[in-house]
């Protein structure tokens, strides 16, 4: 388990999008249970996941982790504090950057056995 502070607009945008279906409490620092219920509905929402590139760059050949979000605090100043747990290791195969957009890059990862 490790913590990240997301402060780039595209990272903040990614986390806001990943957590949009969660109850507000789970976007304000409450631990996200596995298969959490979105208060007000019976629909179960899985914990959000994303690819975390931990090499020098987010580039083909670099190492990456698929991480699961366990806790997320989205702040009004366009930052987010996130606690994640690695669930799979992989190698980045392809990166599609959007240099003039707020949306994050699309990354394809080959999962290592």
PDB file of N, CA and C in Angstrom:
ATOM      1  N   UNK A   1       0.850  -1.173   0.000  1.00  0.00           N
ATOM      2  CA  UNK A   1       0.000   0.000   0.000  1.00  0.00           C
ATOM      3  C   UNK A   1       0.894   1.233   0.000  1.00  0.00           C
ATOM      4  N   UNK A   2       0.538   2.235  -0.816  1.00  0.00           N
ATOM      5  CA  UNK A   2       1.281   3.492  -0.799  1.00  0.00           C
ATOM      6  C   UNK A   2       0.345   4.647  -1.148  1.00  0.00           C
ATOM      7  N   UNK A   3       0.806   5.852  -0.856  1.00  0.00           N
ATOM      8  CA  UNK A   3      -0.012   7.045  -1.054  1.00  0.00           C
ATOM      9  C   UNK A   3       0.539   7.887  -2.191  1.00  0.00           C
ATOM     10  N   UNK A   4      -0.371   8.545  -2.879  1.00  0.00           N
ATOM     11  CA  UNK A   4      -0.018   9.462  -3.952  1.00  0.00           C
ATOM     12  C   UNK A   4      -0.740  10.788  -3.727  1.00  0.00           C
ATOM     13  N   UNK A   5      -0.089  11.885  -4.055  1.00  0.00           N
ATOM     14  CA  UNK A   5      -0.760  13.181  -4.107  1.00  0.00           C
ATOM     15  C   UNK A   5      -0.837  13.553  -5.583  1.00  0.00           C
ATOM     16  N   UNK A   6      -2.055  13.602  -6.094  1.00  0.00           N
ATOM     17  CA  UNK A   6      -2.280  13.938  -7.495  1.00  0.00           C
ATOM     18  C   UNK A   6      -2.538  15.438  -7.589  1.00  0.00           C
ATOM     19  N   UNK A   7      -1.703  16.127  -8.361  1.00  0.00           N
ATOM     20  CA  UNK A   7      -1.838  17.570  -8.442  1.00  0.00           C
ATOM     21  C   UNK A   7      -1.884  18.093  -9.873  1.00  0.00           C
ATOM     22  N   UNK A   8      -1.488  17.284 -10.835  1.00  0.00           N
ATOM     23  CA  UNK A   8      -1.593  17.710 -12.233  1.00  0.00           C
ATOM     24  C   UNK A   8      -3.062  17.677 -12.638  1.00  0.00           C
ATOM     25  N   UNK A   9      -3.520  18.645 -13.428  1.00  0.00           N
ATOM     26  CA  UNK A   9      -4.933  18.671 -13.826  1.00  0.00           C
ATOM     27  C   UNK A   9      -5.415  17.368 -14.460  1.00  0.00           C
ATOM     28  N   UNK A  10      -4.597  16.746 -15.293  1.00  0.00           N
ATOM     29  CA  UNK A  10      -5.058  15.512 -15.944  1.00  0.00           C
ATOM     30  C   UNK A  10      -5.160  14.347 -14.957  1.00  0.00           C
ATOM     31  N   UNK A  11      -4.295  14.309 -13.940  1.00  0.00           N
ATOM     32  CA  UNK A  11      -4.383  13.262 -12.912  1.00  0.00           C
ATOM     33  C   UNK A  11      -5.602  13.492 -12.025  1.00  0.00           C
ATOM     34  N   UNK A  12      -5.843  14.766 -11.661  1.00  0.00           N
ATOM     35  CA  UNK A  12      -7.029  15.098 -10.869  1.00  0.00           C
ATOM     36  C   UNK A  12      -8.283  14.743 -11.653  1.00  0.00           C
ATOM     37  N   UNK A  13      -8.300  15.055 -12.933  1.00  0.00           N
ATOM     38  CA  UNK A  13      -9.451  14.740 -13.799  1.00  0.00           C
ATOM     39  C   UNK A  13      -9.684  13.232 -13.856  1.00  0.00           C
ATOM     40  N   UNK A  14      -8.605  12.453 -13.964  1.00  0.00           N
ATOM     41  CA  UNK A  14      -8.719  10.990 -13.995  1.00  0.00           C
ATOM     42  C   UNK A  14      -9.363  10.477 -12.711  1.00  0.00           C
ATOM     43  N   UNK A  15      -8.888  10.982 -11.555  1.00  0.00           N
ATOM     44  CA  UNK A  15      -9.413  10.487 -10.288  1.00  0.00           C
ATOM     45  C   UNK A  15     -10.876  10.900 -10.106  1.00  0.00           C
ATOM     46  N   UNK A  16     -11.224  12.104 -10.513  1.00  0.00           N
ATOM     47  CA  UNK A  16     -12.621  12.549 -10.415  1.00  0.00           C
ATOM     48  C   UNK A  16     -13.521  11.654 -11.266  1.00  0.00           C
ATOM     49  N   UNK A  17     -13.049  11.300 -12.457  1.00  0.00           N
ATOM     50  CA  UNK A  17     -13.838  10.439 -13.337  1.00  0.00           C
ATOM     51  C   UNK A  17     -13.940   9.019 -12.773  1.00  0.00           C
ATOM     52  N   UNK A  18     -12.836   8.487 -12.247  1.00  0.00           N
ATOM     53  CA  UNK A  18     -12.835   7.129 -11.695  1.00  0.00           C
ATOM     54  C   UNK A  18     -13.753   6.986 -10.482  1.00  0.00           C
ATOM     55  N   UNK A  19     -13.935   8.063  -9.733  1.00  0.00           N
ATOM     56  CA  UNK A  19     -14.716   7.992  -8.506  1.00  0.00           C
ATOM     57  C   UNK A  19     -16.114   8.592  -8.646  1.00  0.00           C
ATOM     58  N   UNK A  20     -16.500   8.987  -9.835  1.00  0.00           N
ATOM     59  CA  UNK A  20     -17.785   9.668 -10.018  1.00  0.00           C
ATOM     60  C   UNK A  20     -18.988   8.820  -9.621  1.00  0.00           C
ATOM     61  N   UNK A  21     -18.894   7.493  -9.708  1.00  0.00           N
ATOM     62  CA  UNK A  21     -20.017   6.627  -9.357  1.00  0.00           C
ATOM     63  C   UNK A  21     -20.021   6.215  -7.891  1.00  0.00           C
ATOM     64  N   UNK A  22     -19.025   6.652  -7.136  1.00  0.00           N
ATOM     65  CA  UNK A  22     -18.971   6.314  -5.713  1.00  0.00           C
ATOM     66  C   UNK A  22     -19.754   7.334  -4.894  1.00  0.00           C
ATOM     67  N   UNK A  23     -20.232   6.899  -3.750  1.00  0.00           N
ATOM     68  CA  UNK A  23     -20.893   7.812  -2.823  1.00  0.00           C
ATOM     69  C   UNK A  23     -19.910   8.904  -2.416  1.00  0.00           C
ATOM     70  N   UNK A  24     -20.416  10.075  -2.117  1.00  0.00           N
ATOM     71  CA  UNK A  24     -19.572  11.225  -1.799  1.00  0.00           C
ATOM     72  C   UNK A  24     -18.591  10.951  -0.659  1.00  0.00           C
ATOM     73  N   UNK A  25     -19.015  10.187   0.332  1.00  0.00           N
ATOM     74  CA  UNK A  25     -18.127   9.883   1.460  1.00  0.00           C
ATOM     75  C   UNK A  25     -16.835   9.226   0.986  1.00  0.00           C
ATOM     76  N   UNK A  26     -16.917   8.390  -0.056  1.00  0.00           N
ATOM     77  CA  UNK A  26     -15.736   7.695  -0.562  1.00  0.00           C
ATOM     78  C   UNK A  26     -14.829   8.612  -1.376  1.00  0.00           C
ATOM     79  N   UNK A  27     -15.311   9.782  -1.744  1.00  0.00           N
ATOM     80  CA  UNK A  27     -14.477  10.777  -2.421  1.00  0.00           C
ATOM     81  C   UNK A  27     -13.910  11.778  -1.419  1.00  0.00           C
ATOM     82  N   UNK A  28     -14.280  11.602  -0.142  1.00  0.00           N
ATOM     83  CA  UNK A  28     -13.840  12.511   0.908  1.00  0.00           C
ATOM     84  C   UNK A  28     -13.013  11.811   1.974  1.00  0.00           C
ATOM     85  N   UNK A  29     -12.337  10.732   1.611  1.00  0.00           N
ATOM     86  CA  UNK A  29     -11.372  10.109   2.500  1.00  0.00           C
ATOM     87  C   UNK A  29     -11.806   8.868   3.245  1.00  0.00           C
ATOM     88  N   UNK A  30     -13.083   8.459   3.143  1.00  0.00           N
ATOM     89  CA  UNK A  30     -13.530   7.239   3.794  1.00  0.00           C
ATOM     90  C   UNK A  30     -12.996   6.039   3.014  1.00  0.00           C
ATOM     91  N   UNK A  31     -12.513   5.020   3.717  1.00  0.00           N
ATOM     92  CA  UNK A  31     -11.986   3.824   3.057  1.00  0.00           C
ATOM     93  C   UNK A  31     -13.071   3.219   2.167  1.00  0.00           C
ATOM     94  N   UNK A  32     -12.704   2.888   0.946  1.00  0.00           N
ATOM     95  CA  UNK A  32     -13.644   2.326  -0.033  1.00  0.00           C
ATOM     96  C   UNK A  32     -13.685   0.812   0.162  1.00  0.00           C
ATOM     97  N   UNK A  33     -14.808   0.257   0.630  1.00  0.00           N
ATOM     98  CA  UNK A  33     -14.885  -1.197   0.779  1.00  0.00           C
ATOM     99  C   UNK A  33     -14.971  -1.866  -0.589  1.00  0.00           C
ATOM    100  N   UNK A  34     -14.559  -3.114  -0.661  1.00  0.00           N
ATOM    101  CA  UNK A  34     -14.637  -3.847  -1.920  1.00  0.00           C
ATOM    102  C   UNK A  34     -16.108  -4.037  -2.287  1.00  0.00           C
ATOM    103  N   UNK A  35     -16.461  -3.662  -3.518  1.00  0.00           N
ATOM    104  CA  UNK A  35     -17.847  -3.783  -3.960  1.00  0.00           C
ATOM    105  C   UNK A  35     -18.749  -2.846  -3.183  1.00  0.00           C
ATOM    106  N   UNK A  36     -18.276  -1.599  -2.978  1.00  0.00           N
ATOM    107  CA  UNK A  36     -19.039  -0.642  -2.187  1.00  0.00           C
ATOM    108  C   UNK A  36     -20.366  -0.304  -2.843  1.00  0.00           C
ATOM    109  N   UNK A  37     -21.343  -0.012  -2.028  1.00  0.00           N
ATOM    110  CA  UNK A  37     -22.663   0.376  -2.522  1.00  0.00           C
ATOM    111  C   UNK A  37     -22.663   1.876  -2.727  1.00  0.00           C
ATOM    112  N   UNK A  38     -23.251   2.318  -3.816  1.00  0.00           N
ATOM    113  CA  UNK A  38     -23.411   3.737  -4.062  1.00  0.00           C
ATOM    114  C   UNK A  38     -24.659   4.153  -3.301  1.00  0.00           C
ATOM    115  N   UNK A  39     -24.485   4.745  -2.110  1.00  0.00           N
ATOM    116  CA  UNK A  39     -25.626   5.079  -1.235  1.00  0.00           C
ATOM    117  C   UNK A  39     -26.810   5.518  -2.072  1.00  0.00           C
ATOM    118  N   UNK A  40     -27.976   5.025  -1.778  1.00  0.00           N
ATOM    119  CA  UNK A  40     -29.170   5.407  -2.509  1.00  0.00           C
ATOM    120  C   UNK A  40     -29.519   4.436  -3.619  1.00  0.00           C
ATOM    121  N   UNK A  41     -28.675   3.465  -3.870  1.00  0.00           N
ATOM    122  CA  UNK A  41     -28.991   2.447  -4.878  1.00  0.00           C
ATOM    123  C   UNK A  41     -28.425   1.113  -4.406  1.00  0.00           C
ATOM    124  N   UNK A  42     -28.920   0.057  -4.978  1.00  0.00           N
ATOM    125  CA  UNK A  42     -28.417  -1.275  -4.624  1.00  0.00           C
ATOM    126  C   UNK A  42     -27.264  -1.696  -5.523  1.00  0.00           C
ATOM    127  N   UNK A  43     -26.912  -0.835  -6.450  1.00  0.00           N
ATOM    128  CA  UNK A  43     -25.845  -1.153  -7.396  1.00  0.00           C
ATOM    129  C   UNK A  43     -24.490  -1.149  -6.690  1.00  0.00           C
ATOM    130  N   UNK A  44     -23.762  -2.221  -6.852  1.00  0.00           N
ATOM    131  CA  UNK A  44     -22.434  -2.330  -6.258  1.00  0.00           C
ATOM    132  C   UNK A  44     -21.409  -1.745  -7.226  1.00  0.00           C
ATOM    133  N   UNK A  45     -20.511  -0.935  -6.690  1.00  0.00           N
ATOM    134  CA  UNK A  45     -19.492  -0.269  -7.485  1.00  0.00           C
ATOM    135  C   UNK A  45     -18.134  -0.798  -7.054  1.00  0.00           C
ATOM    136  N   UNK A  46     -17.344  -1.382  -7.968  1.00  0.00           N
ATOM    137  CA  UNK A  46     -16.024  -1.897  -7.581  1.00  0.00           C
ATOM    138  C   UNK A  46     -15.063  -0.752  -7.261  1.00  0.00           C
ATOM    139  N   UNK A  47     -14.015  -1.069  -6.510  1.00  0.00           N
ATOM    140  CA  UNK A  47     -12.986  -0.064  -6.246  1.00  0.00           C
ATOM    141  C   UNK A  47     -12.368   0.380  -7.564  1.00  0.00           C
ATOM    142  N   UNK A  48     -12.105   1.671  -7.706  1.00  0.00           N
ATOM    143  CA  UNK A  48     -11.475   2.158  -8.941  1.00  0.00           C
ATOM    144  C   UNK A  48     -10.061   1.598  -9.096  1.00  0.00           C
ATOM    145  N   UNK A  49      -9.634   1.438 -10.344  1.00  0.00           N
ATOM    146  CA  UNK A  49      -8.283   0.982 -10.662  1.00  0.00           C
ATOM    147  C   UNK A  49      -7.700   1.879 -11.746  1.00  0.00           C
ATOM    148  N   UNK A  50      -6.377   2.019 -11.731  1.00  0.00           N
ATOM    149  CA  UNK A  50      -5.702   2.729 -12.809  1.00  0.00           C
ATOM    150  C   UNK A  50      -4.283   2.206 -12.944  1.00  0.00           C
ATOM    151  N   UNK A  51      -3.625   2.602 -14.019  1.00  0.00           N
ATOM    152  CA  UNK A  51      -2.246   2.189 -14.284  1.00  0.00           C
ATOM    153  C   UNK A  51      -1.313   3.257 -13.732  1.00  0.00           C
ATOM    154  N   UNK A  52      -0.366   2.837 -12.914  1.00  0.00           N
ATOM    155  CA  UNK A  52       0.617   3.737 -12.320  1.00  0.00           C
ATOM    156  C   UNK A  52       1.988   3.380 -12.885  1.00  0.00           C
ATOM    157  N   UNK A  53       2.535   4.281 -13.696  1.00  0.00           N
ATOM    158  CA  UNK A  53       3.862   4.066 -14.275  1.00  0.00           C
ATOM    159  C   UNK A  53       4.902   4.540 -13.266  1.00  0.00           C
ATOM    160  N   UNK A  54       5.794   3.652 -12.836  1.00  0.00           N
ATOM    161  CA  UNK A  54       6.759   4.031 -11.807  1.00  0.00           C
ATOM    162  C   UNK A  54       8.196   4.043 -12.314  1.00  0.00           C
ATOM    163  N   UNK A  55       8.377   3.938 -13.609  1.00  0.00           N
ATOM    164  CA  UNK A  55       9.720   4.045 -14.183  1.00  0.00           C
ATOM    165  C   UNK A  55      10.099   5.501 -14.372  1.00  0.00           C
ATOM    166  N   UNK A  56      11.114   5.747 -15.153  1.00  0.00           N
ATOM    167  CA  UNK A  56      11.556   7.118 -15.406  1.00  0.00           C
ATOM    168  C   UNK A  56      10.510   7.913 -16.158  1.00  0.00           C
ATOM    169  N   UNK A  57       9.834   7.251 -17.097  1.00  0.00           N
ATOM    170  CA  UNK A  57       8.834   7.917 -17.930  1.00  0.00           C
ATOM    171  C   UNK A  57       7.644   6.991 -18.107  1.00  0.00           C
ATOM    172  N   UNK A  58       6.561   7.545 -18.566  1.00  0.00           N
ATOM    173  CA  UNK A  58       5.420   6.731 -18.978  1.00  0.00           C
ATOM    174  C   UNK A  58       5.624   6.472 -20.465  1.00  0.00           C
ATOM    175  N   UNK A  59       6.408   5.438 -20.763  1.00  0.00           N
ATOM    176  CA  UNK A  59       6.803   5.160 -22.140  1.00  0.00           C
ATOM    177  C   UNK A  59       6.874   3.654 -22.359  1.00  0.00           C
ATOM    178  N   UNK A  60       6.736   3.208 -23.618  1.00  0.00           N
ATOM    179  CA  UNK A  60       6.844   1.779 -23.905  1.00  0.00           C
ATOM    180  C   UNK A  60       8.137   1.188 -23.333  1.00  0.00           C
ATOM    181  N   UNK A  61       7.992   0.004 -22.734  1.00  0.00           N
ATOM    182  CA  UNK A  61       9.129  -0.685 -22.137  1.00  0.00           C
ATOM    183  C   UNK A  61       9.314  -0.401 -20.657  1.00  0.00           C
ATOM    184  N   UNK A  62       8.698   0.660 -20.161  1.00  0.00           N
ATOM    185  CA  UNK A  62       8.830   1.001 -18.737  1.00  0.00           C
ATOM    186  C   UNK A  62       7.916   0.128 -17.890  1.00  0.00           C
ATOM    187  N   UNK A  63       8.261  -0.010 -16.626  1.00  0.00           N
ATOM    188  CA  UNK A  63       7.464  -0.810 -15.702  1.00  0.00           C
ATOM    189  C   UNK A  63       6.236  -0.027 -15.251  1.00  0.00           C
ATOM    190  N   UNK A  64       5.168  -0.761 -14.937  1.00  0.00           N
ATOM    191  CA  UNK A  64       3.935  -0.141 -14.468  1.00  0.00           C
ATOM    192  C   UNK A  64       3.207  -1.096 -13.532  1.00  0.00           C
ATOM    193  N   UNK A  65       2.332  -0.540 -12.743  1.00  0.00           N
ATOM    194  CA  UNK A  65       1.480  -1.320 -11.846  1.00  0.00           C
ATOM    195  C   UNK A  65       0.019  -1.008 -12.141  1.00  0.00           C
ATOM    196  N   UNK A  66      -0.817  -2.008 -12.061  1.00  0.00           N
ATOM    197  CA  UNK A  66      -2.250  -1.764 -11.995  1.00  0.00           C
ATOM    198  C   UNK A  66      -2.523  -1.639 -10.504  1.00  0.00           C
ATOM    199  N   UNK A  67      -3.088  -0.489 -10.095  1.00  0.00           N
ATOM    200  CA  UNK A  67      -3.343  -0.248  -8.680  1.00  0.00           C
ATOM    201  C   UNK A  67      -4.838  -0.096  -8.436  1.00  0.00           C
ATOM    202  N   UNK A  68      -5.242  -0.461  -7.242  1.00  0.00           N
ATOM    203  CA  UNK A  68      -6.631  -0.335  -6.830  1.00  0.00           C
ATOM    204  C   UNK A  68      -6.705   0.754  -5.767  1.00  0.00           C
ATOM    205  N   UNK A  69      -7.652   1.660  -5.914  1.00  0.00           N
ATOM    206  CA  UNK A  69      -7.812   2.777  -4.984  1.00  0.00           C
ATOM    207  C   UNK A  69      -8.537   2.278  -3.731  1.00  0.00           C
ATOM    208  N   UNK A  70      -7.927   2.483  -2.576  1.00  0.00           N
ATOM    209  CA  UNK A  70      -8.536   2.093  -1.310  1.00  0.00           C
ATOM    210  C   UNK A  70      -9.106   3.295  -0.560  1.00  0.00           C
ATOM    211  N   UNK A  71      -8.504   4.466  -0.778  1.00  0.00           N
ATOM    212  CA  UNK A  71      -8.966   5.687  -0.122  1.00  0.00           C
ATOM    213  C   UNK A  71      -8.664   6.849  -1.060  1.00  0.00           C
ATOM    214  N   UNK A  72      -9.583   7.794  -1.121  1.00  0.00           N
ATOM    215  CA  UNK A  72      -9.413   8.942  -2.007  1.00  0.00           C
ATOM    216  C   UNK A  72     -10.022  10.177  -1.354  1.00  0.00           C
ATOM    217  N   UNK A  73      -9.267  11.248  -1.314  1.00  0.00           N
ATOM    218  CA  UNK A  73      -9.789  12.519  -0.820  1.00  0.00           C
ATOM    219  C   UNK A  73      -9.583  13.554  -1.917  1.00  0.00           C
ATOM    220  N   UNK A  74     -10.669  13.863  -2.608  1.00  0.00           N
ATOM    221  CA  UNK A  74     -10.618  14.869  -3.674  1.00  0.00           C
ATOM    222  C   UNK A  74     -10.821  16.232  -3.027  1.00  0.00           C
ATOM    223  N   UNK A  75      -9.878  17.112  -3.235  1.00  0.00           N
ATOM    224  CA  UNK A  75      -9.910  18.430  -2.590  1.00  0.00           C
ATOM    225  C   UNK A  75     -10.398  19.507  -3.566  1.00  0.00           C
ATOM    226  N   UNK A  76     -10.903  20.573  -3.013  1.00  0.00           N
ATOM    227  CA  UNK A  76     -11.418  21.673  -3.824  1.00  0.00           C
ATOM    228  C   UNK A  76     -10.352  22.448  -4.576  1.00  0.00           C
ATOM    229  N   UNK A  77      -9.081  22.262  -4.216  1.00  0.00           N
ATOM    230  CA  UNK A  77      -7.998  22.985  -4.884  1.00  0.00           C
ATOM    231  C   UNK A  77      -7.422  22.203  -6.065  1.00  0.00           C
ATOM    232  N   UNK A  78      -8.211  21.283  -6.607  1.00  0.00           N
ATOM    233  CA  UNK A  78      -7.808  20.478  -7.776  1.00  0.00           C
ATOM    234  C   UNK A  78      -6.650  19.535  -7.469  1.00  0.00           C
ATOM    235  N   UNK A  79      -6.595  19.010  -6.236  1.00  0.00           N
ATOM    236  CA  UNK A  79      -5.640  17.961  -5.893  1.00  0.00           C
ATOM    237  C   UNK A  79      -6.421  16.796  -5.295  1.00  0.00           C
ATOM    238  N   UNK A  80      -5.777  15.651  -5.234  1.00  0.00           N
ATOM    239  CA  UNK A  80      -6.389  14.475  -4.617  1.00  0.00           C
ATOM    240  C   UNK A  80      -5.304  13.685  -3.897  1.00  0.00           C
ATOM    241  N   UNK A  81      -5.621  13.251  -2.684  1.00  0.00           N
ATOM    242  CA  UNK A  81      -4.754  12.355  -1.936  1.00  0.00           C
ATOM    243  C   UNK A  81      -5.354  10.962  -2.057  1.00  0.00           C
ATOM    244  N   UNK A  82      -4.542  10.023  -2.524  1.00  0.00           N
ATOM    245  CA  UNK A  82      -5.040   8.693  -2.859  1.00  0.00           C
ATOM    246  C   UNK A  82      -4.158   7.635  -2.216  1.00  0.00           C
ATOM    247  N   UNK A  83      -4.781   6.620  -1.617  1.00  0.00           N
ATOM    248  CA  UNK A  83      -4.065   5.446  -1.111  1.00  0.00           C
ATOM    249  C   UNK A  83      -4.403   4.295  -2.046  1.00  0.00           C
ATOM    250  N   UNK A  84      -3.366   3.654  -2.586  1.00  0.00           N
ATOM    251  CA  UNK A  84      -3.561   2.577  -3.559  1.00  0.00           C
ATOM    252  C   UNK A  84      -2.818   1.322  -3.129  1.00  0.00           C
ATOM    253  N   UNK A  85      -3.269   0.195  -3.685  1.00  0.00           N
ATOM    254  CA  UNK A  85      -2.622  -1.093  -3.457  1.00  0.00           C
ATOM    255  C   UNK A  85      -2.313  -1.707  -4.822  1.00  0.00           C
ATOM    256  N   UNK A  86      -1.052  -2.095  -5.072  1.00  0.00           N
ATOM    257  CA  UNK A  86      -0.733  -2.759  -6.341  1.00  0.00           C
ATOM    258  C   UNK A  86      -1.440  -4.109  -6.429  1.00  0.00           C
ATOM    259  N   UNK A  87      -2.041  -4.385  -7.590  1.00  0.00           N
ATOM    260  CA  UNK A  87      -2.696  -5.679  -7.764  1.00  0.00           C
ATOM    261  C   UNK A  87      -2.099  -6.485  -8.911  1.00  0.00           C
ATOM    262  N   UNK A  88      -1.408  -5.808  -9.851  1.00  0.00           N
ATOM    263  CA  UNK A  88      -0.726  -6.518 -10.943  1.00  0.00           C
ATOM    264  C   UNK A  88       0.468  -5.699 -11.400  1.00  0.00           C
ATOM    265  N   UNK A  89       1.512  -6.404 -11.862  1.00  0.00           N
ATOM    266  CA  UNK A  89       2.694  -5.768 -12.444  1.00  0.00           C
ATOM    267  C   UNK A  89       2.634  -5.938 -13.946  1.00  0.00           C
ATOM    268  N   UNK A  90       3.217  -4.975 -14.651  1.00  0.00           N
ATOM    269  CA  UNK A  90       3.225  -5.070 -16.096  1.00  0.00           C
ATOM    270  C   UNK A  90       4.293  -4.196 -16.719  1.00  0.00           C
ATOM    271  N   UNK A  91       4.312  -4.219 -18.045  1.00  0.00           N
ATOM    272  CA  UNK A  91       5.216  -3.399 -18.839  1.00  0.00           C
ATOM    273  C   UNK A  91       4.381  -2.590 -19.824  1.00  0.00           C
ATOM    274  N   UNK A  92       4.670  -1.303 -19.914  1.00  0.00           N
ATOM    275  CA  UNK A  92       3.924  -0.441 -20.821  1.00  0.00           C
ATOM    276  C   UNK A  92       4.229  -0.826 -22.260  1.00  0.00           C
ATOM    277  N   UNK A  93       3.183  -1.016 -23.058  1.00  0.00           N
ATOM    278  CA  UNK A  93       3.340  -1.340 -24.476  1.00  0.00           C
ATOM    279  C   UNK A  93       3.070  -0.142 -25.374  1.00  0.00           C
ATOM    280  N   UNK A  94       2.080   0.684 -25.019  1.00  0.00           N
ATOM    281  CA  UNK A  94       1.695   1.804 -25.885  1.00  0.00           C
ATOM    282  C   UNK A  94       1.168   2.949 -25.027  1.00  0.00           C
ATOM    283  N   UNK A  95       1.498   4.178 -25.429  1.00  0.00           N
ATOM    284  CA  UNK A  95       0.993   5.374 -24.745  1.00  0.00           C
ATOM    285  C   UNK A  95       0.415   6.316 -25.791  1.00  0.00           C
ATOM    286  N   UNK A  96      -0.815   6.727 -25.588  1.00  0.00           N
ATOM    287  CA  UNK A  96      -1.471   7.711 -26.456  1.00  0.00           C
ATOM    288  C   UNK A  96      -1.619   8.989 -25.643  1.00  0.00           C
ATOM    289  N   UNK A  97      -0.774   9.981 -25.934  1.00  0.00           N
ATOM    290  CA  UNK A  97      -0.784  11.245 -25.192  1.00  0.00           C
ATOM    291  C   UNK A  97      -1.756  12.228 -25.822  1.00  0.00           C
ATOM    292  N   UNK A  98      -2.305  13.083 -25.003  1.00  0.00           N
ATOM    293  CA  UNK A  98      -3.166  14.187 -25.442  1.00  0.00           C
ATOM    294  C   UNK A  98      -2.546  15.463 -24.891  1.00  0.00           C
ATOM    295  N   UNK A  99      -1.525  16.011 -25.580  1.00  0.00           N
ATOM    296  CA  UNK A  99      -0.711  17.083 -25.010  1.00  0.00           C
ATOM    297  C   UNK A  99      -1.469  18.370 -24.667  1.00  0.00           C
ATOM    298  N   UNK A 100      -2.518  18.691 -25.380  1.00  0.00           N
ATOM    299  CA  UNK A 100      -3.218  19.947 -25.119  1.00  0.00           C
ATOM    300  C   UNK A 100      -4.565  19.720 -24.452  1.00  0.00           C
ATOM    301  N   UNK A 101      -4.738  18.570 -23.843  1.00  0.00           N
ATOM    302  CA  UNK A 101      -6.017  18.236 -23.217  1.00  0.00           C
ATOM    303  C   UNK A 101      -5.812  17.968 -21.728  1.00  0.00           C
ATOM    304  N   UNK A 102      -6.892  18.085 -20.993  1.00  0.00           N
ATOM    305  CA  UNK A 102      -6.836  17.799 -19.560  1.00  0.00           C
ATOM    306  C   UNK A 102      -6.936  16.301 -19.301  1.00  0.00           C
ATOM    307  N   UNK A 103      -7.438  15.559 -20.278  1.00  0.00           N
ATOM    308  CA  UNK A 103      -7.604  14.120 -20.046  1.00  0.00           C
ATOM    309  C   UNK A 103      -6.256  13.421 -19.984  1.00  0.00           C
ATOM    310  N   UNK A 104      -6.162  12.368 -19.158  1.00  0.00           N
ATOM    311  CA  UNK A 104      -4.894  11.631 -19.039  1.00  0.00           C
ATOM    312  C   UNK A 104      -4.595  10.821 -20.293  1.00  0.00           C
ATOM    313  N   UNK A 105      -3.354  10.391 -20.399  1.00  0.00           N
ATOM    314  CA  UNK A 105      -2.948   9.543 -21.514  1.00  0.00           C
ATOM    315  C   UNK A 105      -3.644   8.189 -21.425  1.00  0.00           C
ATOM    316  N   UNK A 106      -3.840   7.566 -22.563  1.00  0.00           N
ATOM    317  CA  UNK A 106      -4.334   6.194 -22.596  1.00  0.00           C
ATOM    318  C   UNK A 106      -3.116   5.286 -22.689  1.00  0.00           C
ATOM    319  N   UNK A 107      -3.039   4.310 -21.801  1.00  0.00           N
ATOM    320  CA  UNK A 107      -1.866   3.455 -21.699  1.00  0.00           C
ATOM    321  C   UNK A 107      -2.280   1.997 -21.822  1.00  0.00           C
ATOM    322  N   UNK A 108      -1.545   1.242 -22.632  1.00  0.00           N
ATOM    323  CA  UNK A 108      -1.748  -0.199 -22.747  1.00  0.00           C
ATOM    324  C   UNK A 108      -0.599  -0.891 -22.035  1.00  0.00           C
ATOM    325  N   UNK A 109      -0.923  -1.837 -21.167  1.00  0.00           N
ATOM    326  CA  UNK A 109       0.095  -2.539 -20.372  1.00  0.00           C
ATOM    327  C   UNK A 109      -0.007  -4.034 -20.619  1.00  0.00           C
ATOM    328  N   UNK A 110       1.145  -4.686 -20.788  1.00  0.00           N
ATOM    329  CA  UNK A 110       1.206  -6.150 -20.841  1.00  0.00           C
ATOM    330  C   UNK A 110       1.431  -6.616 -19.416  1.00  0.00           C
ATOM    331  N   UNK A 111       0.484  -7.392 -18.904  1.00  0.00           N
ATOM    332  CA  UNK A 111       0.558  -7.869 -17.529  1.00  0.00           C
ATOM    333  C   UNK A 111       1.565  -9.009 -17.444  1.00  0.00           C
ATOM    334  N   UNK A 112       2.424  -8.937 -16.421  1.00  0.00           N
ATOM    335  CA  UNK A 112       3.419  -9.985 -16.197  1.00  0.00           C
ATOM    336  C   UNK A 112       2.825 -11.069 -15.315  1.00  0.00           C
ATOM    337  N   UNK A 113       3.134 -12.287 -15.605  1.00  0.00           N
ATOM    338  CA  UNK A 113       2.615 -13.426 -14.812  1.00  0.00           C
ATOM    339  C   UNK A 113       3.363 -13.551 -13.516  1.00  0.00           C
TER     340      UNK A 113
END
